[in-house]
Amino acid sequence: MRKRLLMFLGLVGVSFATQAEVSYMTVELKSGEQYSFLLRDKPVVTYENGDLVVNDDASTSYAINDVKDYHFTESNMTTKVQESNAPIICVTRVDESTVRISNASPKSAVALVGVNGVAWCRTAIDETGEALVKLPNQPGVYLLSVENQSFKIIRK
């Protein structure tokens, strides 16, 4: 079943990628939220443990659950979420040991927790909507919680 789904996703992706006007893969969640991935960046789409997993590059991976639908579009559907005044929190790597959180609500709580449940860092978003979080020196998988969203951070 999983191999068939991956083969189907690959075939659909190739057929749509060859058409010049289609440039995004948009994932729609059951909650109505939509996220778009630029096909030019050649995201790798897989299906793992019940989640749709989209890998943008070697350091960015999105495990998406509660997927209602996914389709290929000409425009970035994520911008429609932004236009509805729903903040999109951005998490970017500053360097190998630090991540920056931006576009979050001021004074929101931030927590970095290991998959074993150990809390590594607790801080708050500053007045500008940003925060810097130092990652532990140990390689591993960590969960970064900001407001009502969580992000998977991998330290190699």
N, C-alpha and C. Protein backbone atom coordinates (compact mmCIF):
# COMPACT_ATOMS: atom_id res chain seq x y z
N MET A 1 0.82 -1.20 0.00
CA MET A 1 0.00 0.00 0.00
C MET A 1 0.87 1.26 0.00
N ARG A 2 1.86 1.28 0.89
CA ARG A 2 2.72 2.45 1.00
C ARG A 2 3.52 2.66 -0.28
N LYS A 3 4.01 1.55 -0.86
CA LYS A 3 4.78 1.66 -2.10
C LYS A 3 3.90 2.18 -3.23
N ARG A 4 2.66 1.74 -3.26
CA ARG A 4 1.74 2.22 -4.30
C ARG A 4 1.48 3.71 -4.15
N LEU A 5 1.30 4.15 -2.89
CA LEU A 5 1.06 5.57 -2.64
C LEU A 5 2.27 6.40 -3.07
N LEU A 6 3.47 5.92 -2.71
CA LEU A 6 4.68 6.65 -3.10
C LEU A 6 4.85 6.69 -4.61
N MET A 7 4.55 5.57 -5.28
CA MET A 7 4.64 5.52 -6.73
C MET A 7 3.63 6.49 -7.35
N PHE A 8 2.42 6.51 -6.80
CA PHE A 8 1.39 7.42 -7.30
C PHE A 8 1.82 8.86 -7.11
N LEU A 9 2.33 9.20 -5.90
CA LEU A 9 2.80 10.57 -5.65
C LEU A 9 3.91 10.96 -6.61
N GLY A 10 4.83 10.03 -6.85
CA GLY A 10 5.93 10.31 -7.78
C GLY A 10 5.44 10.55 -9.19
N LEU A 11 4.53 9.69 -9.67
CA LEU A 11 4.00 9.85 -11.03
C LEU A 11 3.21 11.14 -11.18
N VAL A 12 2.38 11.42 -10.19
CA VAL A 12 1.59 12.66 -10.25
C VAL A 12 2.52 13.87 -10.20
N GLY A 13 3.54 13.80 -9.33
CA GLY A 13 4.48 14.91 -9.23
C GLY A 13 5.23 15.15 -10.52
N VAL A 14 5.66 14.08 -11.18
CA VAL A 14 6.38 14.22 -12.46
C VAL A 14 5.46 14.78 -13.53
N SER A 15 4.22 14.27 -13.58
CA SER A 15 3.32 14.75 -14.63
C SER A 15 2.97 16.22 -14.45
N PHE A 16 2.79 16.64 -13.20
CA PHE A 16 2.46 18.03 -12.98
C PHE A 16 3.69 18.93 -13.07
N ALA A 17 4.84 18.43 -12.71
CA ALA A 17 6.06 19.24 -12.76
C ALA A 17 6.44 19.57 -14.19
N THR A 18 6.01 18.76 -15.15
CA THR A 18 6.35 19.03 -16.54
C THR A 18 5.50 20.14 -17.14
N GLN A 19 4.39 20.46 -16.49
CA GLN A 19 3.55 21.56 -16.98
C GLN A 19 4.08 22.87 -16.41
N ALA A 20 4.30 23.85 -17.23
CA ALA A 20 4.95 25.09 -16.82
C ALA A 20 4.14 25.88 -15.81
N GLU A 21 2.80 25.85 -15.90
CA GLU A 21 2.00 26.70 -15.03
C GLU A 21 1.87 26.16 -13.61
N VAL A 22 2.07 24.88 -13.39
CA VAL A 22 1.96 24.30 -12.05
C VAL A 22 3.31 24.43 -11.37
N SER A 23 3.34 25.14 -10.22
CA SER A 23 4.62 25.33 -9.57
C SER A 23 4.59 25.06 -8.07
N TYR A 24 3.45 24.69 -7.48
CA TYR A 24 3.35 24.42 -6.06
C TYR A 24 2.60 23.13 -5.78
N MET A 25 3.00 22.42 -4.74
CA MET A 25 2.20 21.34 -4.19
C MET A 25 1.57 21.90 -2.92
N THR A 26 0.25 21.90 -2.85
CA THR A 26 -0.45 22.45 -1.72
C THR A 26 -1.08 21.33 -0.91
N VAL A 27 -0.85 21.36 0.40
CA VAL A 27 -1.40 20.37 1.32
C VAL A 27 -2.48 21.07 2.13
N GLU A 28 -3.69 20.50 2.11
CA GLU A 28 -4.80 21.06 2.88
C GLU A 28 -5.08 20.16 4.07
N LEU A 29 -5.10 20.75 5.27
CA LEU A 29 -5.37 19.99 6.48
C LEU A 29 -6.86 19.93 6.77
N LYS A 30 -7.27 19.01 7.63
CA LYS A 30 -8.68 18.89 8.00
C LYS A 30 -9.18 20.15 8.70
N SER A 31 -8.27 20.90 9.33
CA SER A 31 -8.64 22.14 10.02
C SER A 31 -8.88 23.29 9.04
N GLY A 32 -8.56 23.08 7.75
CA GLY A 32 -8.74 24.12 6.74
C GLY A 32 -7.46 24.86 6.40
N GLU A 33 -6.41 24.69 7.21
CA GLU A 33 -5.13 25.33 6.92
C GLU A 33 -4.53 24.72 5.66
N GLN A 34 -3.77 25.53 4.93
CA GLN A 34 -3.12 25.07 3.71
C GLN A 34 -1.66 25.49 3.72
N TYR A 35 -0.80 24.60 3.24
CA TYR A 35 0.62 24.88 3.14
C TYR A 35 1.08 24.51 1.74
N SER A 36 1.87 25.38 1.13
CA SER A 36 2.35 25.14 -0.23
C SER A 36 3.86 24.94 -0.22
N PHE A 37 4.33 24.04 -1.10
CA PHE A 37 5.74 23.77 -1.26
C PHE A 37 6.11 24.01 -2.71
N LEU A 38 7.14 24.79 -2.93
CA LEU A 38 7.58 25.15 -4.26
C LEU A 38 8.19 23.93 -4.95
N LEU A 39 7.63 23.53 -6.09
CA LEU A 39 8.11 22.35 -6.81
C LEU A 39 9.50 22.57 -7.39
N ARG A 40 9.85 23.81 -7.67
CA ARG A 40 11.18 24.11 -8.19
C ARG A 40 12.26 23.68 -7.20
N ASP A 41 11.93 23.69 -5.88
CA ASP A 41 12.87 23.26 -4.85
C ASP A 41 12.97 21.74 -4.75
N LYS A 42 12.18 21.03 -5.57
CA LYS A 42 12.18 19.56 -5.64
C LYS A 42 12.00 18.90 -4.28
N PRO A 43 10.86 19.17 -3.61
CA PRO A 43 10.63 18.53 -2.31
C PRO A 43 10.45 17.02 -2.50
N VAL A 44 10.92 16.26 -1.52
CA VAL A 44 10.75 14.81 -1.52
C VAL A 44 9.56 14.50 -0.62
N VAL A 45 8.55 13.84 -1.18
CA VAL A 45 7.32 13.54 -0.44
C VAL A 45 7.28 12.05 -0.15
N THR A 46 7.10 11.70 1.13
CA THR A 46 6.97 10.30 1.53
C THR A 46 5.80 10.17 2.50
N TYR A 47 5.50 8.96 2.86
CA TYR A 47 4.43 8.67 3.79
C TYR A 47 5.00 7.80 4.90
N GLU A 48 5.06 8.32 6.15
CA GLU A 48 5.66 7.60 7.26
C GLU A 48 4.76 7.67 8.48
N ASN A 49 4.47 6.51 9.06
CA ASN A 49 3.71 6.42 10.31
C ASN A 49 2.40 7.21 10.27
N GLY A 50 1.72 7.18 9.16
CA GLY A 50 0.45 7.87 9.05
C GLY A 50 0.54 9.35 8.73
N ASP A 51 1.75 9.88 8.56
CA ASP A 51 1.94 11.30 8.27
C ASP A 51 2.48 11.47 6.86
N LEU A 52 2.08 12.55 6.21
CA LEU A 52 2.68 12.95 4.94
C LEU A 52 3.94 13.72 5.30
N VAL A 53 5.10 13.30 4.80
CA VAL A 53 6.36 13.93 5.16
C VAL A 53 6.92 14.61 3.92
N VAL A 54 7.21 15.91 4.05
CA VAL A 54 7.78 16.69 2.95
C VAL A 54 9.16 17.17 3.38
N ASN A 55 10.19 16.79 2.63
CA ASN A 55 11.56 17.21 2.90
C ASN A 55 11.94 18.25 1.86
N ASP A 56 12.16 19.49 2.32
CA ASP A 56 12.58 20.56 1.41
C ASP A 56 14.05 20.47 1.07
N ASP A 57 14.89 20.23 2.06
CA ASP A 57 16.32 20.08 1.84
C ASP A 57 16.88 19.21 2.95
N ALA A 58 18.18 19.11 3.04
CA ALA A 58 18.81 18.21 4.02
C ALA A 58 18.49 18.58 5.46
N SER A 59 18.17 19.84 5.75
CA SER A 59 17.95 20.25 7.14
C SER A 59 16.50 20.61 7.44
N THR A 60 15.60 20.53 6.48
CA THR A 60 14.21 20.91 6.71
C THR A 60 13.28 19.77 6.33
N SER A 61 12.48 19.34 7.30
CA SER A 61 11.54 18.25 7.08
C SER A 61 10.24 18.58 7.79
N TYR A 62 9.11 18.34 7.13
CA TYR A 62 7.79 18.61 7.70
C TYR A 62 7.00 17.31 7.75
N ALA A 63 6.61 16.87 8.95
CA ALA A 63 5.72 15.72 9.09
C ALA A 63 4.31 16.30 9.30
N ILE A 64 3.43 16.04 8.38
CA ILE A 64 2.11 16.68 8.39
C ILE A 64 1.06 15.61 8.64
N ASN A 65 0.30 15.77 9.73
CA ASN A 65 -0.78 14.83 9.99
C ASN A 65 -2.13 15.52 9.78
N ASP A 66 -3.20 14.75 9.82
CA ASP A 66 -4.56 15.25 9.58
C ASP A 66 -4.69 15.89 8.20
N VAL A 67 -4.08 15.26 7.20
CA VAL A 67 -4.15 15.77 5.83
C VAL A 67 -5.51 15.42 5.23
N LYS A 68 -6.19 16.44 4.74
CA LYS A 68 -7.47 16.23 4.07
C LYS A 68 -7.25 15.97 2.58
N ASP A 69 -6.35 16.75 1.97
CA ASP A 69 -6.14 16.66 0.53
C ASP A 69 -4.80 17.31 0.20
N TYR A 70 -4.26 16.93 -0.91
CA TYR A 70 -3.11 17.63 -1.46
C TYR A 70 -3.30 17.70 -2.97
N HIS A 71 -2.84 18.79 -3.55
CA HIS A 71 -3.01 18.99 -4.98
C HIS A 71 -1.93 19.94 -5.48
N PHE A 72 -1.88 20.11 -6.78
CA PHE A 72 -0.86 20.94 -7.40
C PHE A 72 -1.52 22.20 -7.93
N THR A 73 -0.91 23.35 -7.64
CA THR A 73 -1.52 24.64 -7.96
C THR A 73 -0.51 25.55 -8.65
N GLU A 74 -1.04 26.64 -9.19
CA GLU A 74 -0.20 27.63 -9.86
C GLU A 74 0.32 28.68 -8.88
N SER A 75 -0.37 28.85 -7.75
CA SER A 75 0.02 29.90 -6.81
C SER A 75 0.26 29.32 -5.43
N ASN A 76 0.92 30.11 -4.60
CA ASN A 76 1.23 29.72 -3.24
C ASN A 76 -0.02 29.91 -2.38
N MET A 77 -0.64 28.82 -1.97
CA MET A 77 -1.87 28.89 -1.18
C MET A 77 -1.58 29.28 0.27
N THR A 78 -0.34 29.16 0.72
CA THR A 78 0.02 29.54 2.09
C THR A 78 -0.24 31.03 2.30
N THR A 79 -0.07 31.85 1.26
CA THR A 79 -0.27 33.28 1.42
C THR A 79 -1.71 33.60 1.79
N LYS A 80 -2.65 32.76 1.40
CA LYS A 80 -4.05 32.99 1.78
C LYS A 80 -4.22 32.87 3.29
N VAL A 81 -3.45 31.99 3.93
CA VAL A 81 -3.49 31.89 5.38
C VAL A 81 -2.96 33.17 5.99
N GLN A 82 -1.87 33.71 5.43
CA GLN A 82 -1.31 34.95 5.94
C GLN A 82 -2.28 36.11 5.76
N GLU A 83 -2.98 36.15 4.64
CA GLU A 83 -3.92 37.23 4.39
C GLU A 83 -5.09 37.21 5.36
N SER A 84 -5.38 36.05 5.96
CA SER A 84 -6.48 35.97 6.91
C SER A 84 -6.04 36.36 8.31
N ASN A 85 -4.86 36.99 8.42
CA ASN A 85 -4.31 37.47 9.68
C ASN A 85 -3.89 36.35 10.63
N ALA A 86 -3.78 35.14 10.16
CA ALA A 86 -3.27 34.05 10.98
C ALA A 86 -1.74 34.12 10.93
N PRO A 87 -1.09 34.32 12.08
CA PRO A 87 0.37 34.43 12.05
C PRO A 87 1.03 33.11 11.70
N ILE A 88 2.05 33.17 10.87
CA ILE A 88 2.82 32.00 10.52
C ILE A 88 4.17 32.16 11.21
N ILE A 89 4.42 31.31 12.17
CA ILE A 89 5.66 31.37 12.93
C ILE A 89 6.78 30.79 12.08
N CYS A 90 7.90 31.51 12.02
CA CYS A 90 9.05 31.07 11.24
C CYS A 90 10.16 30.60 12.18
N VAL A 91 10.73 29.44 11.90
CA VAL A 91 11.87 28.92 12.64
C VAL A 91 12.99 28.71 11.65
N THR A 92 14.11 29.39 11.85
CA THR A 92 15.25 29.28 10.94
C THR A 92 16.52 29.02 11.74
N ARG A 93 17.45 28.34 11.12
CA ARG A 93 18.75 28.08 11.77
C ARG A 93 19.65 29.29 11.59
N VAL A 94 20.20 29.78 12.70
CA VAL A 94 21.19 30.85 12.64
C VAL A 94 22.55 30.23 12.35
N ASP A 95 22.87 29.17 13.08
CA ASP A 95 24.08 28.37 12.86
C ASP A 95 23.78 26.96 13.35
N GLU A 96 24.81 26.14 13.49
CA GLU A 96 24.61 24.73 13.84
C GLU A 96 24.01 24.55 15.24
N SER A 97 24.16 25.54 16.12
CA SER A 97 23.71 25.37 17.49
C SER A 97 22.62 26.35 17.92
N THR A 98 22.09 27.16 17.00
CA THR A 98 21.11 28.17 17.36
C THR A 98 20.00 28.25 16.32
N VAL A 99 18.75 28.39 16.80
CA VAL A 99 17.62 28.63 15.90
C VAL A 99 16.95 29.94 16.29
N ARG A 100 16.41 30.63 15.30
CA ARG A 100 15.71 31.90 15.52
C ARG A 100 14.22 31.67 15.27
N ILE A 101 13.42 32.16 16.17
CA ILE A 101 11.97 32.13 16.02
C ILE A 101 11.54 33.55 15.71
N SER A 102 10.73 33.72 14.68
CA SER A 102 10.24 35.06 14.34
C SER A 102 8.76 34.99 13.98
N ASN A 103 8.12 36.15 14.01
CA ASN A 103 6.71 36.31 13.67
C ASN A 103 5.79 35.63 14.69
N ALA A 104 6.25 35.54 15.93
CA ALA A 104 5.43 34.96 17.00
C ALA A 104 4.83 36.08 17.84
N SER A 105 3.84 35.75 18.63
CA SER A 105 3.22 36.74 19.51
C SER A 105 4.17 37.10 20.65
N PRO A 106 4.33 38.40 20.93
CA PRO A 106 5.21 38.81 22.03
C PRO A 106 4.82 38.14 23.34
N LYS A 107 5.83 37.79 24.13
CA LYS A 107 5.70 37.17 25.45
C LYS A 107 5.14 35.75 25.41
N SER A 108 5.06 35.12 24.23
CA SER A 108 4.64 33.73 24.14
C SER A 108 5.72 32.83 24.72
N ALA A 109 5.31 31.73 25.30
CA ALA A 109 6.25 30.78 25.88
C ALA A 109 6.90 29.94 24.79
N VAL A 110 8.19 29.65 24.98
CA VAL A 110 8.95 28.80 24.07
C VAL A 110 9.59 27.70 24.91
N ALA A 111 9.49 26.45 24.44
CA ALA A 111 10.11 25.34 25.16
C ALA A 111 10.81 24.42 24.16
N LEU A 112 12.01 23.99 24.51
CA LEU A 112 12.75 23.01 23.72
C LEU A 112 12.85 21.76 24.57
N VAL A 113 12.27 20.66 24.07
CA VAL A 113 12.21 19.41 24.83
C VAL A 113 12.77 18.29 23.97
N GLY A 114 13.56 17.41 24.57
CA GLY A 114 14.07 16.24 23.87
C GLY A 114 12.96 15.22 23.72
N VAL A 115 13.11 14.29 22.78
CA VAL A 115 12.08 13.28 22.59
C VAL A 115 11.96 12.36 23.79
N ASN A 116 12.95 12.38 24.67
CA ASN A 116 12.88 11.60 25.90
C ASN A 116 12.15 12.35 27.01
N GLY A 117 11.68 13.57 26.74
CA GLY A 117 10.90 14.34 27.70
C GLY A 117 11.70 15.33 28.52
N VAL A 118 13.02 15.37 28.35
CA VAL A 118 13.86 16.29 29.11
C VAL A 118 13.73 17.71 28.53
N ALA A 119 13.39 18.67 29.38
CA ALA A 119 13.28 20.07 28.95
C ALA A 119 14.68 20.68 28.93
N TRP A 120 15.09 21.18 27.76
CA TRP A 120 16.42 21.75 27.59
C TRP A 120 16.43 23.26 27.72
N CYS A 121 15.33 23.89 27.34
CA CYS A 121 15.32 25.36 27.34
C CYS A 121 13.88 25.85 27.46
N ARG A 122 13.70 26.87 28.26
CA ARG A 122 12.42 27.56 28.35
C ARG A 122 12.71 29.06 28.30
N THR A 123 12.00 29.76 27.43
CA THR A 123 12.20 31.19 27.30
C THR A 123 10.90 31.81 26.81
N ALA A 124 10.93 33.09 26.50
CA ALA A 124 9.74 33.78 25.99
C ALA A 124 10.11 34.61 24.77
N ILE A 125 9.14 34.83 23.94
CA ILE A 125 9.31 35.68 22.75
C ILE A 125 9.43 37.12 23.22
N ASP A 126 10.34 37.88 22.60
CA ASP A 126 10.51 39.29 22.99
C ASP A 126 9.43 40.17 22.36
N GLU A 127 9.52 41.47 22.58
CA GLU A 127 8.51 42.43 22.11
C GLU A 127 8.43 42.52 20.59
N THR A 128 9.52 42.16 19.90
CA THR A 128 9.53 42.22 18.43
C THR A 128 9.00 40.93 17.79
N GLY A 129 8.64 39.94 18.62
CA GLY A 129 8.13 38.68 18.10
C GLY A 129 9.21 37.67 17.77
N GLU A 130 10.42 37.87 18.32
CA GLU A 130 11.54 36.98 18.02
C GLU A 130 12.14 36.40 19.29
N ALA A 131 12.86 35.29 19.11
CA ALA A 131 13.64 34.68 20.19
C ALA A 131 14.73 33.83 19.58
N LEU A 132 15.85 33.71 20.29
CA LEU A 132 16.94 32.82 19.90
C LEU A 132 16.97 31.67 20.89
N VAL A 133 17.10 30.45 20.38
CA VAL A 133 17.15 29.27 21.23
C VAL A 133 18.44 28.52 20.92
N LYS A 134 19.24 28.27 21.97
CA LYS A 134 20.47 27.49 21.83
C LYS A 134 20.10 26.02 21.91
N LEU A 135 20.61 25.24 20.96
CA LEU A 135 20.37 23.80 20.96
C LEU A 135 21.40 23.11 21.84
N PRO A 136 21.04 21.97 22.42
CA PRO A 136 22.02 21.21 23.21
C PRO A 136 23.18 20.76 22.31
N ASN A 137 24.33 20.51 22.93
CA ASN A 137 25.50 20.05 22.17
C ASN A 137 25.33 18.63 21.65
N GLN A 138 24.43 17.87 22.25
CA GLN A 138 24.25 16.47 21.88
C GLN A 138 23.42 16.34 20.61
N PRO A 139 23.85 15.46 19.71
CA PRO A 139 23.00 15.17 18.54
C PRO A 139 21.70 14.52 19.00
N GLY A 140 20.63 14.81 18.30
CA GLY A 140 19.35 14.20 18.66
C GLY A 140 18.19 14.91 18.02
N VAL A 141 16.99 14.46 18.38
CA VAL A 141 15.75 15.05 17.88
C VAL A 141 15.10 15.80 19.04
N TYR A 142 14.69 17.03 18.78
CA TYR A 142 14.11 17.89 19.81
C TYR A 142 12.80 18.48 19.29
N LEU A 143 11.90 18.78 20.20
CA LEU A 143 10.64 19.43 19.85
C LEU A 143 10.66 20.86 20.38
N LEU A 144 10.42 21.80 19.49
CA LEU A 144 10.38 23.21 19.84
C LEU A 144 8.92 23.63 19.83
N SER A 145 8.40 24.04 20.98
CA SER A 145 7.00 24.46 21.09
C SER A 145 6.92 25.97 21.21
N VAL A 146 6.12 26.58 20.34
CA VAL A 146 5.90 28.02 20.35
C VAL A 146 4.40 28.23 20.19
N GLU A 147 3.81 28.93 21.14
CA GLU A 147 2.36 29.13 21.14
C GLU A 147 1.67 27.77 21.02
N ASN A 148 0.85 27.56 20.01
CA ASN A 148 0.14 26.28 19.86
C ASN A 148 0.74 25.43 18.74
N GLN A 149 1.99 25.70 18.37
CA GLN A 149 2.64 24.97 17.29
C GLN A 149 3.91 24.29 17.80
N SER A 150 4.25 23.16 17.17
CA SER A 150 5.47 22.44 17.52
C SER A 150 6.29 22.20 16.26
N PHE A 151 7.61 22.23 16.42
CA PHE A 151 8.53 22.03 15.30
C PHE A 151 9.55 20.98 15.70
N LYS A 152 9.87 20.10 14.76
CA LYS A 152 10.88 19.08 15.00
C LYS A 152 12.23 19.67 14.59
N ILE A 153 13.19 19.61 15.51
CA ILE A 153 14.55 20.11 15.27
C ILE A 153 15.49 18.91 15.35
N ILE A 154 16.32 18.74 14.34
CA ILE A 154 17.30 17.65 14.34
C ILE A 154 18.68 18.24 14.46
N ARG A 155 19.40 17.80 15.48
CA ARG A 155 20.79 18.24 15.70
C ARG A 155 21.70 17.09 15.32
N LYS A 156 22.51 17.27 14.28
CA LYS A 156 23.40 16.18 13.83
C LYS A 156 24.76 16.30 14.45
